[in-house]
């Protein structure tokens, strides 16, 4: 993609709020990138949509492609052993459900199985986000069948949005793991790193989980210093992305190099360096927030 195309796709405006600058992607209106959440617990109808999984693999219609979805009626006719249907929200004005196919005996000429990674770039972002939400809700139900405090079987509450223990009243709801991801820049240069185990196949931005008691801004400063030994300043919020591997919410930032030389943590980073638009390693695709962070910087330099 040439620079002119990048400028059209990633043109940004800066919004000032209490002294902070936020980068806003104009092509992402509110709620466009997230599945519509529906309250209440209706019963599934034959024409409702259903997101099917076999373990962590999504099952998609083979003949019509991954952008197409199953209806509840189709799923019940094609797959003999379906688990409970869990309401995920609404897709295209119809209720949408998530379901595990308990048996591996399905027609390979009708359904294709693949991890959510195989859907990146092959389906539109809102649909990918809904697949991610569906899998995370299935995992949540699977992991909390019994109370973590006393071992009693849990029961659904709050329109199926929570699980409760009838003995000790311990309630659990779906949780996300917030994760800060940051592109550090220095003039025309950007700092990119190759993680341990990647073999240098591609380079990306730095990222790390938010620890208890931290602000996400604290996480940015800590992770950058721990992983590459430099200090940063001028943090600017960029965007966020649900990342169902297995359940992160990626919070993206730009940051400016402040001081220090690169000193990698060999347990986390295989190699890190400063790169320019004329000297770039392989980088993540635009379907990831890391790729969008990088291309947003490239579009302005």
Foldseek 3Di string as FASTA:
>chain_A
DDLVVLCVQQVWDWDDDPNATATDGVVDDPPPLEAAADFAADDADQAAWEFEAAQQKTKAFPPVDRQDTHGNVRCVVFAPAKDDWAFQHDDPNGTYTYIYRDDPDGDPNTIDIDHLVVCQVVYDSHVSNSSLSRSLLVVVCVVPQADPPPGHGWDADRNNQWTAHPPPGDIDGRDAWEKEWEWEAEVQKIKWFDWPPNVLQATWTWMDTDDPPDDSVVVVQVRCCQAFNFGWDSKYWYDWDFDPPPGYIYTYIYIYTDDDGTDGDVNTTPDMDIDGPVGHHHYDDPSDVRNSNVSSSVSVD
